[in-house]
Amino acid sequence: MGLDVARIKKKMESIREYGERITRILPSDYVVKAAVERNIQLISDAELDIVMLLYRGFELSIAGNESTMLDKIGVRLSGDVIKKIKERRDLRNNLVHAYADSYYDRGVFDQAKNMKDIEEFRKEVNKLTK
């Protein structure tokens, strides 16, 4: 089957663009907060799409669920990157399902202010697709 490098690179570019948006619009009011939340969701979804493409491309067997797939792709991506993807997926799922909790508000802002792990994810994926 092989890696779909073109699709992976397109998703990587999307992640970079969403991260730049967040940097430009860090929250100052509710509308801006909603925009930041949406971009974090988009980054999380694009990361998962890339992980699925890598998973398929490397033919890592059949995954049971999202968490299992992330654990199995951990043979190709660092533990720190996998941990941050899982944290972002958790936050994304809570945002999408509209759980109201100040913990998630803090999580949104913490992730928006520290996007270094996304760059690390991109670097590792770039190594895998060369």
N, C-alpha and C. Protein backbone atom coordinates (compact mmCIF):
# COMPACT_ATOMS: atom_id res chain seq x y z
N MET A 1 0.83 -1.20 0.00
CA MET A 1 0.00 0.00 0.00
C MET A 1 0.87 1.26 0.00
N GLY A 2 1.77 1.40 0.94
CA GLY A 2 2.69 2.54 0.97
C GLY A 2 2.10 3.80 1.57
N LEU A 3 2.98 4.70 1.91
CA LEU A 3 2.57 5.98 2.51
C LEU A 3 1.99 6.91 1.46
N ASP A 4 0.94 7.61 1.83
CA ASP A 4 0.35 8.65 0.97
C ASP A 4 0.98 9.98 1.38
N VAL A 5 2.21 10.18 0.95
CA VAL A 5 3.01 11.33 1.37
C VAL A 5 2.34 12.65 0.99
N ALA A 6 1.71 12.72 -0.17
CA ALA A 6 1.07 13.97 -0.60
C ALA A 6 -0.04 14.37 0.36
N ARG A 7 -0.88 13.42 0.76
CA ARG A 7 -1.96 13.74 1.71
C ARG A 7 -1.41 14.11 3.07
N ILE A 8 -0.38 13.40 3.50
CA ILE A 8 0.24 13.69 4.80
C ILE A 8 0.80 15.11 4.79
N LYS A 9 1.50 15.49 3.73
CA LYS A 9 2.08 16.83 3.65
C LYS A 9 0.99 17.90 3.64
N LYS A 10 -0.13 17.64 2.94
CA LYS A 10 -1.24 18.60 2.92
C LYS A 10 -1.82 18.79 4.33
N LYS A 11 -1.99 17.70 5.06
CA LYS A 11 -2.49 17.79 6.44
C LYS A 11 -1.49 18.52 7.33
N MET A 12 -0.20 18.29 7.09
CA MET A 12 0.84 18.97 7.87
C MET A 12 0.76 20.48 7.65
N GLU A 13 0.53 20.88 6.42
CA GLU A 13 0.40 22.31 6.11
C GLU A 13 -0.83 22.89 6.82
N SER A 14 -1.91 22.12 6.87
CA SER A 14 -3.11 22.58 7.58
C SER A 14 -2.81 22.80 9.06
N ILE A 15 -2.09 21.88 9.68
CA ILE A 15 -1.74 22.03 11.09
C ILE A 15 -0.93 23.30 11.30
N ARG A 16 0.04 23.56 10.41
CA ARG A 16 0.84 24.77 10.53
C ARG A 16 -0.05 26.01 10.44
N GLU A 17 -0.98 26.03 9.49
CA GLU A 17 -1.87 27.18 9.33
C GLU A 17 -2.77 27.37 10.55
N TYR A 18 -3.34 26.29 11.08
CA TYR A 18 -4.20 26.41 12.26
C TYR A 18 -3.41 26.93 13.46
N GLY A 19 -2.18 26.44 13.61
CA GLY A 19 -1.33 26.92 14.71
C GLY A 19 -1.03 28.40 14.59
N GLU A 20 -0.76 28.85 13.37
CA GLU A 20 -0.52 30.28 13.16
C GLU A 20 -1.75 31.10 13.49
N ARG A 21 -2.92 30.61 13.12
CA ARG A 21 -4.17 31.32 13.47
C ARG A 21 -4.30 31.49 14.97
N ILE A 22 -4.04 30.40 15.70
CA ILE A 22 -4.17 30.46 17.15
C ILE A 22 -3.22 31.51 17.72
N THR A 23 -2.00 31.52 17.23
CA THR A 23 -1.02 32.49 17.71
C THR A 23 -1.49 33.92 17.49
N ARG A 24 -2.15 34.16 16.35
CA ARG A 24 -2.64 35.51 16.04
C ARG A 24 -3.88 35.91 16.84
N ILE A 25 -4.67 34.94 17.30
CA ILE A 25 -5.97 35.29 17.91
C ILE A 25 -6.11 34.83 19.35
N LEU A 26 -5.00 34.71 20.07
CA LEU A 26 -5.12 34.23 21.45
C LEU A 26 -6.24 34.97 22.19
N PRO A 27 -6.99 34.23 23.00
CA PRO A 27 -8.25 34.71 23.58
C PRO A 27 -8.20 36.01 24.37
N SER A 28 -9.17 36.84 24.04
CA SER A 28 -9.41 38.04 24.84
C SER A 28 -10.90 38.18 25.13
N ASP A 29 -11.75 37.44 24.43
CA ASP A 29 -13.18 37.43 24.70
C ASP A 29 -13.78 36.11 24.23
N TYR A 30 -15.08 35.95 24.42
CA TYR A 30 -15.74 34.68 24.13
C TYR A 30 -15.64 34.29 22.66
N VAL A 31 -15.83 35.21 21.75
CA VAL A 31 -15.78 34.90 20.32
C VAL A 31 -14.39 34.43 19.93
N VAL A 32 -13.39 35.10 20.44
CA VAL A 32 -12.02 34.72 20.15
C VAL A 32 -11.73 33.35 20.77
N LYS A 33 -12.20 33.13 21.99
CA LYS A 33 -12.02 31.83 22.65
C LYS A 33 -12.61 30.72 21.80
N ALA A 34 -13.80 30.94 21.26
CA ALA A 34 -14.43 29.95 20.40
C ALA A 34 -13.60 29.68 19.15
N ALA A 35 -12.99 30.72 18.60
CA ALA A 35 -12.14 30.55 17.42
C ALA A 35 -10.90 29.72 17.76
N VAL A 36 -10.31 29.96 18.92
CA VAL A 36 -9.14 29.19 19.35
C VAL A 36 -9.55 27.74 19.56
N GLU A 37 -10.69 27.51 20.23
CA GLU A 37 -11.16 26.15 20.44
C GLU A 37 -11.33 25.43 19.11
N ARG A 38 -11.93 26.10 18.14
CA ARG A 38 -12.17 25.48 16.83
C ARG A 38 -10.85 25.11 16.15
N ASN A 39 -9.86 25.96 16.23
CA ASN A 39 -8.58 25.65 15.60
C ASN A 39 -7.86 24.51 16.31
N ILE A 40 -7.99 24.40 17.62
CA ILE A 40 -7.42 23.26 18.34
C ILE A 40 -8.11 21.98 17.88
N GLN A 41 -9.43 22.03 17.70
CA GLN A 41 -10.16 20.87 17.19
C GLN A 41 -9.64 20.48 15.80
N LEU A 42 -9.45 21.48 14.94
CA LEU A 42 -8.97 21.22 13.58
C LEU A 42 -7.57 20.60 13.59
N ILE A 43 -6.70 21.10 14.47
CA ILE A 43 -5.36 20.54 14.58
C ILE A 43 -5.44 19.09 15.03
N SER A 44 -6.25 18.83 16.04
CA SER A 44 -6.40 17.47 16.56
C SER A 44 -6.92 16.53 15.48
N ASP A 45 -7.91 16.97 14.72
CA ASP A 45 -8.47 16.14 13.65
C ASP A 45 -7.43 15.88 12.56
N ALA A 46 -6.67 16.90 12.19
CA ALA A 46 -5.63 16.73 11.16
C ALA A 46 -4.53 15.80 11.67
N GLU A 47 -4.14 15.93 12.93
CA GLU A 47 -3.14 15.03 13.50
C GLU A 47 -3.62 13.59 13.42
N LEU A 48 -4.88 13.35 13.79
CA LEU A 48 -5.41 11.99 13.76
C LEU A 48 -5.47 11.47 12.32
N ASP A 49 -5.84 12.32 11.37
CA ASP A 49 -5.84 11.91 9.96
C ASP A 49 -4.44 11.48 9.53
N ILE A 50 -3.42 12.24 9.92
CA ILE A 50 -2.04 11.91 9.58
C ILE A 50 -1.64 10.58 10.22
N VAL A 51 -1.99 10.41 11.50
CA VAL A 51 -1.66 9.16 12.18
C VAL A 51 -2.32 7.98 11.46
N MET A 52 -3.58 8.15 11.03
CA MET A 52 -4.26 7.06 10.30
C MET A 52 -3.56 6.76 8.98
N LEU A 53 -3.14 7.81 8.27
CA LEU A 53 -2.41 7.60 7.01
C LEU A 53 -1.08 6.90 7.25
N LEU A 54 -0.36 7.31 8.29
CA LEU A 54 0.89 6.64 8.63
C LEU A 54 0.63 5.18 9.01
N TYR A 55 -0.39 4.98 9.81
CA TYR A 55 -0.75 3.65 10.29
C TYR A 55 -1.03 2.71 9.10
N ARG A 56 -1.85 3.20 8.17
CA ARG A 56 -2.16 2.42 6.97
C ARG A 56 -0.91 2.21 6.12
N GLY A 57 -0.14 3.28 5.94
CA GLY A 57 1.05 3.20 5.10
C GLY A 57 2.09 2.24 5.62
N PHE A 58 2.22 2.16 6.93
CA PHE A 58 3.18 1.25 7.54
C PHE A 58 2.57 -0.12 7.82
N GLU A 59 1.28 -0.27 7.50
CA GLU A 59 0.56 -1.55 7.67
C GLU A 59 0.80 -2.14 9.06
N LEU A 60 0.38 -1.40 10.06
CA LEU A 60 0.63 -1.79 11.45
C LEU A 60 -0.46 -2.68 12.04
N SER A 61 -1.20 -3.37 11.25
CA SER A 61 -2.28 -4.27 11.64
C SER A 61 -3.58 -3.49 11.89
N ILE A 62 -4.56 -4.17 12.37
CA ILE A 62 -5.87 -3.55 12.57
C ILE A 62 -5.93 -2.97 13.98
N ALA A 63 -6.34 -1.72 14.08
CA ALA A 63 -6.47 -1.06 15.39
C ALA A 63 -7.86 -1.28 15.94
N GLY A 64 -7.97 -1.34 17.25
CA GLY A 64 -9.27 -1.49 17.89
C GLY A 64 -10.00 -0.17 17.99
N ASN A 65 -9.27 0.88 18.35
CA ASN A 65 -9.87 2.19 18.50
C ASN A 65 -8.76 3.25 18.37
N GLU A 66 -9.16 4.48 18.57
CA GLU A 66 -8.22 5.59 18.42
C GLU A 66 -6.99 5.43 19.33
N SER A 67 -7.23 5.09 20.58
CA SER A 67 -6.15 4.97 21.55
C SER A 67 -5.19 3.84 21.17
N THR A 68 -5.74 2.71 20.75
CA THR A 68 -4.92 1.57 20.34
C THR A 68 -4.06 1.95 19.14
N MET A 69 -4.67 2.66 18.18
CA MET A 69 -3.94 3.08 17.00
C MET A 69 -2.78 4.00 17.38
N LEU A 70 -3.05 4.95 18.28
CA LEU A 70 -2.00 5.86 18.73
C LEU A 70 -0.89 5.10 19.45
N ASP A 71 -1.26 4.12 20.24
CA ASP A 71 -0.24 3.31 20.93
C ASP A 71 0.63 2.57 19.91
N LYS A 72 -0.01 2.00 18.89
CA LYS A 72 0.75 1.22 17.90
C LYS A 72 1.65 2.10 17.03
N ILE A 73 1.20 3.31 16.70
CA ILE A 73 2.03 4.20 15.89
C ILE A 73 3.19 4.74 16.73
N GLY A 74 3.13 4.52 18.04
CA GLY A 74 4.20 4.92 18.95
C GLY A 74 5.53 4.26 18.64
N VAL A 75 5.51 3.20 17.80
CA VAL A 75 6.79 2.60 17.38
C VAL A 75 7.48 3.49 16.36
N ARG A 76 6.75 4.45 15.79
CA ARG A 76 7.31 5.35 14.78
C ARG A 76 7.44 6.79 15.26
N LEU A 77 6.59 7.19 16.20
CA LEU A 77 6.61 8.56 16.74
C LEU A 77 7.00 8.49 18.21
N SER A 78 7.61 9.55 18.72
CA SER A 78 8.07 9.54 20.11
C SER A 78 6.91 9.50 21.10
N GLY A 79 7.22 9.01 22.28
CA GLY A 79 6.22 8.93 23.35
C GLY A 79 5.66 10.30 23.72
N ASP A 80 6.52 11.33 23.70
CA ASP A 80 6.06 12.69 24.02
C ASP A 80 5.06 13.18 23.00
N VAL A 81 5.32 12.92 21.73
CA VAL A 81 4.40 13.36 20.67
C VAL A 81 3.07 12.62 20.81
N ILE A 82 3.12 11.33 21.04
CA ILE A 82 1.88 10.54 21.21
C ILE A 82 1.09 11.05 22.43
N LYS A 83 1.80 11.33 23.52
CA LYS A 83 1.13 11.83 24.73
C LYS A 83 0.39 13.15 24.44
N LYS A 84 1.04 14.07 23.73
CA LYS A 84 0.41 15.37 23.43
C LYS A 84 -0.77 15.20 22.47
N ILE A 85 -0.65 14.28 21.50
CA ILE A 85 -1.78 14.03 20.60
C ILE A 85 -2.96 13.52 21.42
N LYS A 86 -2.71 12.59 22.34
CA LYS A 86 -3.79 12.05 23.18
C LYS A 86 -4.42 13.16 24.04
N GLU A 87 -3.59 14.03 24.60
CA GLU A 87 -4.12 15.14 25.41
C GLU A 87 -5.00 16.05 24.55
N ARG A 88 -4.53 16.35 23.34
CA ARG A 88 -5.30 17.22 22.45
C ARG A 88 -6.60 16.53 22.02
N ARG A 89 -6.55 15.20 21.79
CA ARG A 89 -7.76 14.45 21.44
C ARG A 89 -8.76 14.51 22.60
N ASP A 90 -8.27 14.35 23.81
CA ASP A 90 -9.13 14.45 25.00
C ASP A 90 -9.82 15.81 25.05
N LEU A 91 -9.01 16.85 24.91
CA LEU A 91 -9.54 18.21 24.94
C LEU A 91 -10.53 18.41 23.80
N ARG A 92 -10.16 17.98 22.60
CA ARG A 92 -11.03 18.11 21.43
C ARG A 92 -12.37 17.42 21.67
N ASN A 93 -12.33 16.20 22.20
CA ASN A 93 -13.58 15.47 22.43
C ASN A 93 -14.45 16.17 23.46
N ASN A 94 -13.83 16.74 24.46
CA ASN A 94 -14.60 17.48 25.47
C ASN A 94 -15.18 18.77 24.88
N LEU A 95 -14.43 19.44 24.02
CA LEU A 95 -14.94 20.66 23.37
C LEU A 95 -16.09 20.33 22.42
N VAL A 96 -15.92 19.30 21.62
CA VAL A 96 -16.93 18.92 20.64
C VAL A 96 -18.23 18.51 21.32
N HIS A 97 -18.11 17.82 22.44
CA HIS A 97 -19.30 17.35 23.14
C HIS A 97 -19.80 18.35 24.18
N ALA A 98 -19.21 19.54 24.16
CA ALA A 98 -19.68 20.69 24.95
C ALA A 98 -19.75 20.44 26.44
N TYR A 99 -18.75 19.78 26.98
CA TYR A 99 -18.68 19.65 28.42
C TYR A 99 -18.21 20.98 28.99
N ALA A 100 -18.95 21.53 29.91
CA ALA A 100 -18.59 22.82 30.51
C ALA A 100 -17.79 22.57 31.77
N ASP A 101 -16.57 23.04 31.77
CA ASP A 101 -15.70 22.84 32.91
C ASP A 101 -14.53 23.80 32.77
N SER A 102 -14.21 24.49 33.84
CA SER A 102 -13.11 25.45 33.78
C SER A 102 -11.78 24.76 33.50
N TYR A 103 -11.67 23.46 33.83
CA TYR A 103 -10.46 22.71 33.52
C TYR A 103 -10.22 22.72 32.01
N TYR A 104 -11.27 22.55 31.23
CA TYR A 104 -11.11 22.53 29.77
C TYR A 104 -10.82 23.91 29.22
N ASP A 105 -11.37 24.94 29.85
CA ASP A 105 -11.01 26.30 29.45
C ASP A 105 -9.51 26.52 29.63
N ARG A 106 -9.00 26.10 30.78
CA ARG A 106 -7.56 26.22 31.02
C ARG A 106 -6.77 25.39 30.01
N GLY A 107 -7.27 24.20 29.71
CA GLY A 107 -6.60 23.33 28.74
C GLY A 107 -6.50 23.96 27.37
N VAL A 108 -7.57 24.63 26.96
CA VAL A 108 -7.57 25.32 25.66
C VAL A 108 -6.48 26.37 25.65
N PHE A 109 -6.45 27.20 26.66
CA PHE A 109 -5.49 28.29 26.69
C PHE A 109 -4.06 27.77 26.87
N ASP A 110 -3.89 26.73 27.69
CA ASP A 110 -2.56 26.15 27.86
C ASP A 110 -2.03 25.61 26.54
N GLN A 111 -2.89 24.90 25.81
CA GLN A 111 -2.44 24.36 24.52
C GLN A 111 -2.20 25.47 23.50
N ALA A 112 -3.04 26.49 23.52
CA ALA A 112 -2.88 27.58 22.56
C ALA A 112 -1.59 28.35 22.79
N LYS A 113 -1.18 28.46 24.04
CA LYS A 113 0.01 29.23 24.37
C LYS A 113 1.30 28.43 24.18
N ASN A 114 1.20 27.12 24.14
CA ASN A 114 2.40 26.29 23.99
C ASN A 114 2.17 25.28 22.88
N MET A 115 2.55 25.66 21.68
CA MET A 115 2.31 24.83 20.50
C MET A 115 3.59 24.13 20.03
N LYS A 116 4.61 24.08 20.88
CA LYS A 116 5.89 23.47 20.49
C LYS A 116 5.73 22.01 20.10
N ASP A 117 4.82 21.30 20.78
CA ASP A 117 4.66 19.88 20.49
C ASP A 117 4.14 19.64 19.07
N ILE A 118 3.38 20.59 18.54
CA ILE A 118 2.88 20.44 17.18
C ILE A 118 4.03 20.50 16.19
N GLU A 119 4.97 21.38 16.43
CA GLU A 119 6.15 21.45 15.57
C GLU A 119 6.97 20.17 15.68
N GLU A 120 7.05 19.61 16.87
CA GLU A 120 7.77 18.35 17.07
C GLU A 120 7.07 17.22 16.30
N PHE A 121 5.75 17.19 16.35
CA PHE A 121 4.97 16.21 15.57
C PHE A 121 5.29 16.36 14.09
N ARG A 122 5.27 17.58 13.59
CA ARG A 122 5.54 17.83 12.17
C ARG A 122 6.95 17.36 11.78
N LYS A 123 7.94 17.62 12.64
CA LYS A 123 9.31 17.20 12.36
C LYS A 123 9.40 15.68 12.27
N GLU A 124 8.76 14.99 13.22
CA GLU A 124 8.81 13.53 13.22
C GLU A 124 8.11 12.95 12.00
N VAL A 125 6.98 13.51 11.62
CA VAL A 125 6.27 13.02 10.44
C VAL A 125 7.09 13.29 9.20
N ASN A 126 7.72 14.46 9.12
CA ASN A 126 8.58 14.76 7.97
C ASN A 126 9.69 13.72 7.83
N LYS A 127 10.28 13.30 8.94
CA LYS A 127 11.33 12.26 8.88
C LYS A 127 10.76 10.96 8.33
N LEU A 128 9.54 10.62 8.74
CA LEU A 128 8.94 9.36 8.30
C LEU A 128 8.53 9.38 6.83
N THR A 129 8.30 10.57 6.28
CA THR A 129 7.80 10.64 4.91
C THR A 129 8.89 10.99 3.89
N LYS A 130 10.13 11.05 4.33
CA LYS A 130 11.24 11.35 3.39
C LYS A 130 11.75 10.08 2.77
